[in-house]
Amino acid sequence: MFAKAFRVKSNTAIKGSDRRKLRADVTAVFPTLGTDQVSELIPGKEELNIVRLYAHRGDAVTVYVSGGNPILFELEKNLYPTVYTLWSYPDLLPTFTTWPLVLEKLVGGADLMLPGLVVPPAGLPQVQKGDLCAIALVGNRAPVAIGVAAMSTAEMLTSGLKGRGFSVLHTYQDHLWRSGEKSSPPSIAPLTLDPPDPSEEKGSVQANAALQGDMRHLTLEGEEEEFGEVQQRCAEKSLSEAAEDPSVGGLNPDPTDGKTLQDQMDELLERCFLHALKCRLKKADLPLLTSTLLGSHMFSCCPEGRQLDVKKSSYKKLSKFLQHMQQEQIIQVKELSQGVESIVAVDWKHPRKGSILEGGEVRTIVISYAKKHDLVDADNKNLVKLDPILCDCILEKNEQHTVMKLPWDSLLSRCLEKLQPAYQVTFPGQEPIVKKGKICPIDITLAQRASNKKVTVVRNLEAYGLDPYSVAAILQQRCQASTTVTPAPGAKDSLQVQIQGNQVHHLGRLLLDEYQLPRKYIQGLEKAPKPGKKK
């Protein structure tokens, strides 16, 4: 609504009666605010103005301004808070989370689409169609937009998180925000969840084990940055290696990883820095104050559940960290005014390798590259001309001088073949596990022992975050059968669970219904006993 400049009709001081009415309206619309909070938001004696304006589409809007900042606006007799107000009361509205890259689209006037939502471990907030909601970014609970839900939470989940989720009314950095003091969102740590009950394995891995198959590990030599030019998809994907690589993760207090908390903060600082450069900044933003880089960009790139604190890093000060990044020739920092440093240049093509790409993203990158460099054959749109970069990437040596064009399907399949396979497993409340290679399915087999008794054997539980000992304990209780955990033959550092009898049915219910693992990652379920047959 405020993506473009608006026209002010009038600006007057509020009357006493209107002030009391506004306070009563705020109390009615936002019942979670206490009396003291309402008095703080709508002060009794301080200056409060009513600004009547017309949005660029002609909508008549009434804005209430306190202390130089717009705090509320009224549209069609509905009262809405601004981001300035939500920063003081972040829990005023049900809050949904999206990725930092989405903010630019919202500021430009776009609505929030459901594929851009980040589903937290506790699930999405419960709302109904038409409810007013806040929108925050991953890693910071401070809202950056408000909108009206286009459907209920139940309908969102039923749709598979597809379609339009929220009609956005106002955002940080839009013209309504610019009419205030133009401050940046504060850093508000995400809400932490109660730790799971260690006696219940289900509590640690239940539901929504997100398995992303058909991923590729980018190791193409040569012009990787140019080849990878594509607008980044916002569902947990950063083209920057730092934004996804587990080796550059957030703080992990587990001493077994061999890194001190200071080392982990150094890595988190670098991760947020590179993510901000790749996902948030444009050339038009330069020169950029170093303080703005940290406050408006790096904090919002911090992973959910982590807190970026420069003082806890080995650098202690942002200026020292940026000096190091300048020595790495990633940025150039200058003192444009006395005592104030700014980033004046960024090497956007600084080498980066190791990013994780899904199959669909590889397809998007290839298509974008071909169109950008005018490689689609003019006479046959199904063919793509191969420039030197594509030749080096996908052709064999004996094809370099003979193959000049390829069909789209052949080009895409060759690109995928040249990339190393990888997979990612995500569990609620845990960092995503990304590994190279193809994921092995959970393997269920039946074996005959010397006593002529059958046993059920299950392997590869660890790859899906499941503790074999916990699984064995659950099955022992449910099946009323003995269980043992032994090293898996031919597999290093892997265990297998053995359960007496044919217990495939119980095992399947545990894996599919309670842990909600996709069926395609479990093999051997067909070995369950048929109804009426003895186990």
Protein backbone atom coordinates (compact mmCIF):
# COMPACT_ATOMS: atom_id res chain seq x y z
CA MET A 1 0.00 0.00 0.00
CA PHE A 2 2.87 2.35 0.79
CA ALA A 3 5.32 1.00 -1.78
CA LYS A 4 5.08 4.34 -3.60
CA ALA A 5 4.89 7.92 -2.37
CA PHE A 6 1.59 9.09 -0.90
CA ARG A 7 -0.07 12.52 -0.90
CA VAL A 8 -0.74 14.24 2.45
CA LYS A 9 -4.12 15.97 2.73
CA SER A 10 -3.83 17.35 6.28
CA ASN A 11 -1.72 17.16 9.42
CA THR A 12 -3.33 18.33 12.67
CA ALA A 13 -2.85 17.85 16.40
CA ILE A 14 -5.28 15.38 17.91
CA LYS A 15 -8.09 16.60 20.14
CA GLY A 16 -8.59 15.31 23.65
CA SER A 17 -11.80 13.50 22.79
CA ASP A 18 -10.20 11.89 19.74
CA ARG A 19 -7.23 10.81 21.87
CA ARG A 20 -9.54 9.07 24.33
CA LYS A 21 -11.46 7.42 21.49
CA LEU A 22 -8.23 6.22 19.90
CA ARG A 23 -7.11 4.73 23.20
CA ALA A 24 -10.42 2.90 23.53
CA ASP A 25 -10.17 1.64 19.94
CA VAL A 26 -6.63 0.33 20.53
CA THR A 27 -7.79 -1.47 23.69
CA ALA A 28 -10.64 -3.10 21.76
CA VAL A 29 -8.62 -4.09 18.69
CA PHE A 30 -5.53 -5.28 20.59
CA PRO A 31 -6.81 -6.84 23.84
CA THR A 32 -3.38 -8.32 24.66
CA LEU A 33 -2.09 -4.82 25.43
CA GLY A 34 -2.36 -3.90 29.08
CA THR A 35 -3.57 -0.53 30.35
CA ASP A 36 -0.03 0.70 30.93
CA GLN A 37 1.03 -0.36 27.45
CA VAL A 38 -1.93 1.43 25.85
CA SER A 39 -1.06 4.58 27.83
CA GLU A 40 2.54 4.25 26.69
CA LEU A 41 1.50 3.87 23.05
CA ILE A 42 -1.12 6.67 23.21
CA PRO A 43 0.37 9.11 25.76
CA GLY A 44 -1.96 11.47 27.58
CA LYS A 45 -0.08 14.73 27.17
CA GLU A 46 2.65 14.27 24.59
CA GLU A 47 2.18 15.53 21.05
CA LEU A 48 0.07 13.23 18.87
CA ASN A 49 -0.88 14.15 15.32
CA ILE A 50 -3.49 12.92 12.88
CA VAL A 51 -2.25 12.80 9.28
CA ARG A 52 -4.81 12.22 6.56
CA LEU A 53 -3.34 11.07 3.27
CA TYR A 54 -4.07 9.35 -0.02
CA ALA A 55 -2.03 6.30 -0.97
CA HIS A 56 -0.74 6.06 -4.54
CA ARG A 57 -3.76 3.95 -5.50
CA GLY A 58 -6.20 6.50 -4.10
CA ASP A 59 -6.99 4.82 -0.76
CA ALA A 60 -7.84 7.31 2.00
CA VAL A 61 -5.70 6.54 5.05
CA THR A 62 -5.53 8.11 8.49
CA VAL A 63 -2.14 7.91 10.20
CA TYR A 64 -1.46 8.60 13.88
CA VAL A 65 2.00 10.05 14.53
CA SER A 66 3.70 10.17 17.94
CA GLY A 67 7.24 11.36 18.59
CA GLY A 68 7.84 11.79 14.88
CA ASN A 69 6.99 8.17 14.07
CA PRO A 70 3.79 6.77 12.57
CA ILE A 71 2.45 4.38 15.20
CA LEU A 72 -0.96 3.39 13.80
CA PHE A 73 -2.90 3.79 10.59
CA GLU A 74 -6.58 3.41 9.82
CA LEU A 75 -7.98 2.11 6.54
CA GLU A 76 -11.67 1.52 5.92
CA LYS A 77 -12.37 1.84 9.68
CA ASN A 78 -9.79 -0.87 10.49
CA LEU A 79 -6.89 0.01 12.79
CA TYR A 80 -3.39 -1.32 12.06
CA PRO A 81 -0.04 -0.97 13.89
CA THR A 82 3.08 0.17 12.05
CA VAL A 83 6.43 -1.61 12.26
CA TYR A 84 7.60 1.06 14.70
CA THR A 85 4.86 -0.03 17.10
CA LEU A 86 5.48 -3.73 16.52
CA TRP A 87 9.15 -3.30 17.38
CA SER A 88 8.05 -2.18 20.85
CA TYR A 89 5.36 -4.88 21.09
CA PRO A 90 6.64 -7.79 18.94
CA ASP A 91 4.01 -10.20 20.30
CA LEU A 92 1.06 -7.95 19.49
CA LEU A 93 0.13 -10.02 16.41
CA PRO A 94 0.61 -13.66 15.39
CA THR A 95 3.96 -13.68 13.61
CA PHE A 96 4.98 -15.66 10.54
CA THR A 97 8.59 -15.96 9.40
CA THR A 98 10.14 -15.67 5.96
CA TRP A 99 13.62 -15.37 4.44
CA PRO A 100 15.57 -12.08 4.26
CA LEU A 101 15.59 -12.10 0.46
CA VAL A 102 11.78 -11.91 0.44
CA LEU A 103 11.76 -8.51 2.16
CA GLU A 104 12.88 -6.72 -0.99
CA LYS A 105 9.85 -8.11 -2.85
CA LEU A 106 7.47 -7.11 -0.05
CA VAL A 107 8.85 -3.58 0.04
CA GLY A 108 8.23 -3.39 -3.69
CA GLY A 109 4.53 -4.08 -3.17
CA ALA A 110 4.35 -7.88 -3.52
CA ASP A 111 2.19 -10.07 -1.32
CA LEU A 112 3.74 -12.89 0.70
CA MET A 113 3.36 -16.25 -1.02
CA LEU A 114 3.16 -19.40 1.07
CA PRO A 115 6.25 -21.11 -0.44
CA GLY A 116 8.27 -18.29 1.15
CA LEU A 117 7.17 -19.18 4.70
CA VAL A 118 9.56 -20.79 7.14
CA VAL A 119 7.76 -23.38 9.27
CA PRO A 120 9.18 -23.30 12.84
CA PRO A 121 9.50 -26.46 14.95
CA ALA A 122 6.37 -25.53 16.90
CA GLY A 123 4.37 -25.17 13.69
CA LEU A 124 2.67 -22.15 12.13
CA PRO A 125 0.63 -19.74 14.28
CA GLN A 126 -3.10 -20.49 14.26
CA VAL A 127 -5.00 -17.78 12.37
CA GLN A 128 -8.23 -17.46 10.42
CA LYS A 129 -8.78 -15.91 7.01
CA GLY A 130 -8.77 -12.13 7.35
CA ASP A 131 -6.72 -12.05 10.58
CA LEU A 132 -4.06 -9.38 10.89
CA CYS A 133 -0.57 -10.89 11.10
CA ALA A 134 3.03 -9.76 11.46
CA ILE A 135 5.87 -10.97 9.25
CA ALA A 136 9.43 -11.33 10.56
CA LEU A 137 12.69 -12.59 9.09
CA VAL A 138 14.64 -15.69 10.04
CA GLY A 139 16.88 -15.01 13.02
CA ASN A 140 15.08 -11.87 14.24
CA ARG A 141 11.62 -11.71 15.81
CA ALA A 142 11.26 -7.97 15.07
CA PRO A 143 8.42 -7.70 12.49
CA VAL A 144 9.26 -6.17 9.11
CA ALA A 145 5.76 -6.20 7.62
CA ILE A 146 2.09 -6.58 8.44
CA GLY A 147 -0.55 -8.21 6.32
CA VAL A 148 -3.93 -9.88 6.27
CA ALA A 149 -4.11 -13.69 6.08
CA ALA A 150 -5.57 -14.83 2.75
CA MET A 151 -6.54 -18.18 4.29
CA SER A 152 -6.61 -19.94 7.63
CA THR A 153 -3.63 -21.88 8.96
CA ALA A 154 -5.49 -25.13 8.32
CA GLU A 155 -6.08 -24.12 4.69
CA MET A 156 -2.40 -23.17 4.33
CA LEU A 157 -1.32 -26.62 5.43
CA THR A 158 -3.96 -28.33 3.31
CA SER A 159 -2.72 -26.44 0.24
CA GLY A 160 0.80 -27.74 0.80
CA LEU A 161 1.95 -24.15 1.44
CA LYS A 162 1.16 -23.06 -2.10
CA GLY A 163 -0.53 -19.89 -3.27
CA ARG A 164 -0.93 -16.41 -1.79
CA GLY A 165 -0.64 -16.36 1.98
CA PHE A 166 -0.90 -12.72 3.03
CA SER A 167 -2.01 -9.43 1.52
CA VAL A 168 0.77 -7.11 2.67
CA LEU A 169 -0.30 -3.64 3.83
CA HIS A 170 2.86 -2.04 5.22
CA THR A 171 6.57 -2.89 5.43
CA TYR A 172 9.82 -1.73 6.86
CA GLN A 173 11.51 0.57 4.27
CA ASP A 174 8.24 1.55 2.57
CA HIS A 175 7.11 5.19 2.36
CA LEU A 176 5.12 5.06 5.60
CA TRP A 177 8.24 3.89 7.41
CA ARG A 178 10.23 6.63 5.66
CA SER A 179 7.88 9.25 7.07
CA GLY A 180 9.30 8.40 10.52
CA GLU A 181 12.83 8.45 11.87
CA LYS A 182 13.85 5.62 9.49
CA SER A 183 15.32 3.45 12.22
CA SER A 184 16.29 -0.16 11.58
CA PRO A 185 14.56 -3.17 13.18
CA PRO A 186 15.94 -4.05 16.61
CA SER A 187 17.51 -7.45 17.09
CA ILE A 188 14.98 -9.60 18.98
CA ALA A 189 16.01 -13.19 19.56
CA PRO A 190 13.52 -15.83 18.34
CA LEU A 191 11.46 -17.58 20.97
CA THR A 192 13.18 -20.71 22.26
CA LEU A 193 11.32 -23.97 22.61
CA ASP A 194 11.26 -26.10 25.73
CA PRO A 195 13.86 -28.87 25.43
CA PRO A 196 12.39 -32.25 24.45
CA ASP A 197 11.85 -34.95 27.02
CA PRO A 198 14.92 -37.22 26.71
CA SER A 199 12.80 -40.22 27.67
CA GLU A 200 10.75 -39.80 24.49
CA GLU A 201 12.63 -40.33 21.25
CA LYS A 202 9.49 -39.21 19.48
CA GLY A 203 9.93 -35.76 21.00
CA SER A 204 13.27 -35.22 19.33
CA VAL A 205 12.58 -36.30 15.79
CA GLN A 206 8.81 -36.47 15.40
CA ALA A 207 7.16 -35.04 12.32
CA ASN A 208 8.33 -33.17 9.31
CA ALA A 209 11.66 -34.84 8.67
CA ALA A 210 12.37 -32.83 5.57
CA LEU A 211 14.36 -34.85 3.09
CA GLN A 212 15.55 -32.92 0.09
CA GLY A 213 16.51 -35.33 -2.64
CA ASP A 214 17.93 -34.67 -6.07
CA MET A 215 20.36 -32.08 -4.76
CA ARG A 216 23.74 -31.38 -6.26
CA HIS A 217 27.03 -30.17 -4.79
CA LEU A 218 28.37 -27.43 -7.04
CA THR A 219 31.96 -28.18 -8.04
CA LEU A 220 32.08 -26.89 -11.61
CA GLU A 221 35.40 -25.29 -12.42
CA GLY A 222 35.76 -21.97 -14.23
CA GLU A 223 33.13 -19.25 -14.33
CA GLU A 224 31.02 -20.57 -11.48
CA GLU A 225 29.78 -17.19 -10.33
CA GLU A 226 28.63 -16.13 -13.79
CA PHE A 227 27.15 -19.56 -14.46
CA GLY A 228 25.30 -19.37 -11.17
CA GLU A 229 23.64 -16.02 -11.73
CA VAL A 230 19.99 -16.48 -10.86
CA GLN A 231 17.64 -14.90 -8.42
CA GLN A 232 17.87 -16.90 -5.26
CA ARG A 233 14.93 -19.06 -4.22
CA CYS A 234 13.92 -18.15 -0.72
CA ALA A 235 12.97 -21.50 0.78
CA GLU A 236 16.15 -22.10 2.77
CA LYS A 237 18.56 -21.50 -0.04
CA SER A 238 21.46 -19.13 -0.23
CA LEU A 239 23.76 -19.11 -3.23
CA SER A 240 26.47 -18.11 -0.83
CA GLU A 241 28.49 -21.02 0.46
CA ALA A 242 28.55 -19.35 3.83
CA ALA A 243 24.79 -19.33 4.14
CA GLU A 244 24.41 -23.10 3.87
CA ASP A 245 27.73 -24.84 4.39
CA PRO A 246 27.59 -26.73 7.71
CA SER A 247 31.27 -25.87 8.24
CA VAL A 248 30.23 -22.25 8.67
CA GLY A 249 27.32 -22.86 11.02
CA GLY A 250 26.03 -21.08 14.08
CA LEU A 251 27.12 -21.52 17.68
CA ASN A 252 27.13 -25.06 18.95
CA PRO A 253 28.00 -25.45 22.61
CA ASP A 254 28.77 -29.15 22.10
CA PRO A 255 32.49 -29.46 22.98
CA THR A 256 32.82 -32.57 20.86
CA ASP A 257 33.05 -30.53 17.68
CA GLY A 258 36.47 -29.32 18.77
CA LYS A 259 35.70 -25.61 18.31
CA THR A 260 35.59 -22.98 21.00
CA LEU A 261 32.60 -20.68 21.30
CA GLN A 262 34.81 -17.87 20.02
CA ASP A 263 35.70 -19.87 16.90
CA GLN A 264 32.03 -20.60 16.31
CA MET A 265 31.15 -16.91 16.67
CA ASP A 266 33.86 -16.09 14.12
CA GLU A 267 32.23 -18.53 11.70
CA LEU A 268 28.75 -17.17 12.39
CA LEU A 269 30.01 -13.62 11.82
CA GLU A 270 31.52 -14.58 8.48
CA ARG A 271 28.42 -16.52 7.50
CA CYS A 272 26.10 -13.58 8.20
CA PHE A 273 28.49 -11.19 6.44
CA LEU A 274 28.66 -13.24 3.23
CA HIS A 275 24.94 -13.96 3.32
CA ALA A 276 24.21 -10.24 3.64
CA LEU A 277 26.48 -9.40 0.69
CA LYS A 278 24.95 -12.06 -1.50
CA CYS A 279 21.29 -11.77 -0.53
CA ARG A 280 20.65 -8.28 0.76
CA LEU A 281 22.96 -5.79 -0.92
CA LYS A 282 22.99 -4.33 -4.41
CA LYS A 283 25.53 -2.18 -6.15
CA ALA A 284 23.12 0.73 -5.83
CA ASP A 285 23.37 0.47 -2.01
CA LEU A 286 27.05 1.45 -2.06
CA PRO A 287 28.64 3.29 -0.37
CA LEU A 288 27.09 1.77 2.75
CA LEU A 289 27.85 2.65 6.36
CA THR A 290 29.47 -0.30 8.12
CA SER A 291 27.07 0.17 11.03
CA THR A 292 24.14 -0.12 8.62
CA LEU A 293 25.58 -3.33 7.20
CA LEU A 294 25.59 -4.87 10.66
CA GLY A 295 22.33 -3.48 12.02
CA SER A 296 20.11 -3.69 8.95
CA HIS A 297 21.53 -6.66 7.07
CA MET A 298 23.83 -9.01 9.01
CA PHE A 299 21.56 -9.38 12.06
CA SER A 300 18.63 -10.39 9.88
CA CYS A 301 20.79 -13.05 8.20
CA CYS A 302 21.53 -14.75 11.51
CA PRO A 303 20.03 -18.28 11.65
CA GLU A 304 16.99 -18.83 13.83
CA GLY A 305 17.98 -19.67 17.38
CA ARG A 306 21.40 -17.99 17.09
CA GLN A 307 22.50 -14.55 18.27
CA LEU A 308 25.23 -12.60 16.50
CA ASP A 309 27.57 -10.82 18.93
CA VAL A 310 30.73 -9.29 17.47
CA LYS A 311 32.19 -8.76 20.94
CA LYS A 312 32.21 -12.54 21.53
CA SER A 313 34.27 -13.13 18.37
CA SER A 314 38.04 -13.00 18.16
CA TYR A 315 37.75 -9.68 16.31
CA LYS A 316 35.92 -7.93 19.20
CA LYS A 317 35.08 -4.99 16.90
CA LEU A 318 33.27 -4.85 13.56
CA SER A 319 36.01 -2.65 12.09
CA LYS A 320 38.66 -5.34 12.68
CA PHE A 321 36.48 -7.99 11.06
CA LEU A 322 35.87 -5.80 8.02
CA GLN A 323 39.60 -5.11 7.77
CA HIS A 324 40.11 -8.87 7.54
CA MET A 325 37.44 -9.13 4.82
CA GLN A 326 39.22 -6.31 2.99
CA GLN A 327 42.49 -8.24 3.19
CA GLU A 328 40.64 -11.17 1.65
CA GLN A 329 39.77 -8.76 -1.20
CA ILE A 330 36.03 -9.26 -0.74
CA ILE A 331 35.22 -5.63 0.11
CA GLN A 332 36.84 -2.22 0.12
CA VAL A 333 36.34 0.03 3.16
CA LYS A 334 37.03 3.77 3.26
CA GLU A 335 36.56 6.56 5.78
CA LEU A 336 34.38 8.92 3.75
CA SER A 337 33.86 11.25 6.69
CA GLN A 338 35.93 11.65 9.83
CA GLY A 339 35.55 8.64 12.08
CA VAL A 340 32.83 7.04 9.93
CA GLU A 341 33.71 4.05 7.74
CA SER A 342 31.72 2.89 4.72
CA ILE A 343 31.88 -0.05 2.35
CA VAL A 344 32.58 1.48 -1.05
CA ALA A 345 33.10 -1.63 -3.19
CA VAL A 346 32.29 -5.36 -3.18
CA ASP A 347 33.93 -8.01 -5.35
CA TRP A 348 30.71 -9.71 -6.40
CA LYS A 349 32.68 -12.34 -8.35
CA HIS A 350 34.89 -13.38 -5.48
CA PRO A 351 35.38 -17.18 -5.80
CA ARG A 352 32.75 -19.30 -4.00
CA LYS A 353 32.30 -23.05 -4.33
CA GLY A 354 30.43 -25.79 -2.55
CA SER A 355 26.90 -24.39 -2.65
CA ILE A 356 24.01 -26.82 -2.40
CA LEU A 357 21.55 -26.74 -5.30
CA GLU A 358 18.34 -28.69 -5.80
CA GLY A 359 17.60 -30.22 -9.18
CA GLY A 360 14.97 -27.58 -9.91
CA GLU A 361 17.45 -24.82 -9.09
CA VAL A 362 20.03 -26.27 -11.47
CA ARG A 363 17.38 -26.17 -14.16
CA THR A 364 16.56 -22.53 -13.36
CA ILE A 365 20.23 -21.53 -13.40
CA VAL A 366 20.88 -23.19 -16.76
CA ILE A 367 17.77 -21.67 -18.37
CA SER A 368 18.57 -18.21 -17.01
CA TYR A 369 22.16 -18.45 -18.22
CA ALA A 370 21.13 -19.57 -21.70
CA LYS A 371 18.58 -16.78 -22.07
CA LYS A 372 20.87 -14.10 -20.66
CA HIS A 373 23.63 -14.95 -23.14
CA ASP A 374 21.25 -15.44 -26.08
CA LEU A 375 22.12 -19.11 -26.51
CA VAL A 376 18.66 -20.37 -27.49
CA ASP A 377 18.71 -21.34 -31.18
CA ALA A 378 16.67 -18.82 -33.19
CA ASP A 379 15.46 -21.45 -35.68
CA ASN A 380 14.72 -24.21 -33.18
CA LYS A 381 13.78 -23.17 -29.64
CA ASN A 382 14.39 -26.73 -28.42
CA LEU A 383 18.14 -26.39 -29.05
CA VAL A 384 20.76 -24.47 -27.08
CA LYS A 385 24.00 -23.20 -28.56
CA LEU A 386 27.05 -24.09 -26.47
CA ASP A 387 29.38 -21.25 -25.59
CA PRO A 388 32.91 -21.89 -24.25
CA ILE A 389 31.74 -22.04 -20.63
CA LEU A 390 29.06 -24.65 -21.31
CA CYS A 391 31.49 -26.61 -23.48
CA ASP A 392 34.02 -26.76 -20.66
CA CYS A 393 31.34 -27.70 -18.14
CA ILE A 394 29.46 -30.51 -19.86
CA LEU A 395 31.26 -31.79 -22.98
CA GLU A 396 33.80 -34.60 -23.13
CA LYS A 397 37.16 -33.84 -24.74
CA ASN A 398 36.29 -35.66 -27.95
CA GLU A 399 33.08 -33.57 -28.24
CA GLN A 400 34.65 -30.15 -27.86
CA HIS A 401 34.89 -29.46 -31.60
CA THR A 402 31.98 -31.54 -32.85
CA VAL A 403 29.01 -30.77 -30.61
CA MET A 404 27.82 -27.20 -31.13
CA LYS A 405 24.20 -27.48 -29.88
CA LEU A 406 22.23 -29.66 -27.50
CA PRO A 407 18.52 -30.17 -26.81
CA TRP A 408 17.29 -28.72 -23.52
CA ASP A 409 16.76 -32.11 -21.86
CA SER A 410 20.23 -33.31 -22.82
CA LEU A 411 21.83 -30.07 -21.61
CA LEU A 412 20.06 -30.22 -18.26
CA SER A 413 20.77 -33.92 -17.68
CA ARG A 414 24.44 -33.43 -18.49
CA CYS A 415 24.67 -30.54 -16.02
CA LEU A 416 23.16 -32.69 -13.29
CA GLU A 417 25.53 -35.55 -14.08
CA LYS A 418 28.53 -33.24 -13.69
CA LEU A 419 27.47 -32.22 -10.19
CA GLN A 420 28.06 -34.37 -7.15
CA PRO A 421 24.88 -35.69 -5.50
CA ALA A 422 24.09 -34.50 -2.00
CA TYR A 423 21.21 -34.67 0.44
CA GLN A 424 19.86 -32.70 3.37
CA VAL A 425 17.92 -33.96 6.39
CA THR A 426 16.17 -31.42 8.62
CA PHE A 427 14.56 -32.05 12.01
CA PRO A 428 12.62 -29.45 14.03
CA GLY A 429 14.86 -27.38 16.25
CA GLN A 430 18.08 -28.72 14.74
CA GLU A 431 20.55 -27.48 12.18
CA PRO A 432 20.07 -29.10 8.74
CA ILE A 433 22.38 -32.04 8.08
CA VAL A 434 23.91 -31.76 4.60
CA LYS A 435 26.08 -34.57 3.26
CA LYS A 436 27.60 -35.45 -0.08
CA GLY A 437 26.55 -38.58 -1.88
CA LYS A 438 23.18 -40.33 -2.06
CA ILE A 439 21.23 -41.06 1.09
CA CYS A 440 20.82 -44.75 1.89
CA PRO A 441 17.27 -45.78 2.76
CA ILE A 442 16.39 -47.37 6.06
CA ASP A 443 16.77 -51.07 5.33
CA ILE A 444 14.41 -53.60 6.93
CA THR A 445 15.14 -57.31 6.46
CA LEU A 446 14.04 -60.62 7.96
CA ALA A 447 16.62 -63.18 9.02
CA GLN A 448 16.41 -66.81 10.18
CA ARG A 449 18.39 -67.72 13.25
CA ALA A 450 19.83 -71.12 14.21
CA SER A 451 16.85 -71.73 16.47
CA ASN A 452 14.67 -71.43 13.34
CA LYS A 453 13.19 -68.22 14.71
CA LYS A 454 12.76 -65.10 12.62
CA VAL A 455 14.23 -61.75 13.62
CA THR A 456 13.62 -58.33 12.12
CA VAL A 457 16.78 -56.34 11.35
CA VAL A 458 16.78 -52.59 10.62
CA ARG A 459 19.81 -50.57 9.48
CA ASN A 460 20.73 -46.95 8.57
CA LEU A 461 18.64 -45.33 11.28
CA GLU A 462 21.42 -42.86 12.11
CA ALA A 463 21.26 -41.22 8.68
CA TYR A 464 17.77 -39.99 9.57
CA GLY A 465 18.67 -38.71 13.02
CA LEU A 466 17.26 -41.75 14.85
CA ASP A 467 19.08 -43.26 17.81
CA PRO A 468 19.16 -47.10 17.37
CA TYR A 469 19.09 -47.65 21.14
CA SER A 470 15.99 -45.48 21.56
CA VAL A 471 14.25 -47.20 18.65
CA ALA A 472 15.12 -50.58 20.14
CA ALA A 473 13.69 -49.57 23.53
CA ILE A 474 10.42 -48.38 21.98
CA LEU A 475 10.01 -51.54 19.90
CA GLN A 476 10.82 -53.80 22.84
CA GLN A 477 7.96 -52.27 24.78
CA ARG A 478 5.45 -52.22 21.92
CA CYS A 479 6.23 -55.61 20.45
CA GLN A 480 6.79 -57.32 23.81
CA ALA A 481 9.83 -58.94 22.23
CA SER A 482 13.55 -58.94 22.95
CA THR A 483 15.74 -56.48 21.06
CA THR A 484 19.49 -56.10 20.60
CA VAL A 485 21.70 -53.41 19.09
CA THR A 486 24.85 -54.60 17.32
CA PRO A 487 27.40 -53.17 14.86
CA ALA A 488 26.10 -53.31 11.29
CA PRO A 489 28.23 -55.67 9.16
CA GLY A 490 30.28 -53.92 6.50
CA ALA A 491 29.37 -50.42 7.72
CA LYS A 492 31.75 -48.23 9.67
CA ASP A 493 30.36 -46.60 12.84
CA SER A 494 26.84 -47.83 12.09
CA LEU A 495 24.50 -49.90 14.26
CA GLN A 496 21.63 -52.23 13.48
CA VAL A 497 18.60 -53.13 15.62
CA GLN A 498 17.36 -56.72 15.85
CA ILE A 499 13.87 -57.51 17.13
CA GLN A 500 12.66 -61.05 17.77
CA GLY A 501 9.91 -62.11 15.34
CA ASN A 502 8.48 -60.39 12.30
CA GLN A 503 7.93 -56.88 13.63
CA VAL A 504 7.90 -55.01 10.30
CA HIS A 505 4.33 -53.82 10.91
CA HIS A 506 5.22 -52.18 14.24
CA LEU A 507 8.40 -50.76 12.78
CA GLY A 508 6.54 -49.29 9.82
CA ARG A 509 3.99 -47.57 12.05
CA LEU A 510 6.79 -46.07 14.14
CA LEU A 511 8.75 -44.75 11.16
CA LEU A 512 5.83 -43.62 8.98
CA ASP A 513 3.17 -42.46 11.42
CA GLU A 514 5.15 -41.15 14.38
CA TYR A 515 8.47 -40.07 12.91
CA GLN A 516 6.71 -39.17 9.61
CA LEU A 517 9.54 -40.33 7.38
CA PRO A 518 8.63 -40.48 3.67
CA ARG A 519 7.86 -44.03 2.57
CA LYS A 520 10.29 -43.83 -0.35
CA TYR A 521 13.20 -43.71 2.10
CA ILE A 522 12.25 -46.99 3.77
CA GLN A 523 12.75 -50.35 2.04
CA GLY A 524 11.43 -53.68 3.27
CA LEU A 525 7.97 -52.62 4.48
CA GLU A 526 6.42 -55.22 2.19
CA LYS A 527 7.89 -57.93 4.46
CA ALA A 528 5.21 -57.27 7.10
CA PRO A 529 3.19 -60.45 7.94
CA LYS A 530 -0.07 -60.86 6.08
CA PRO A 531 -3.26 -60.74 8.17
CA GLY A 532 -3.97 -64.12 9.76
CA LYS A 533 -0.41 -65.42 9.41
CA LYS A 534 1.79 -66.25 12.37
CA LYS A 535 4.79 -64.04 12.90
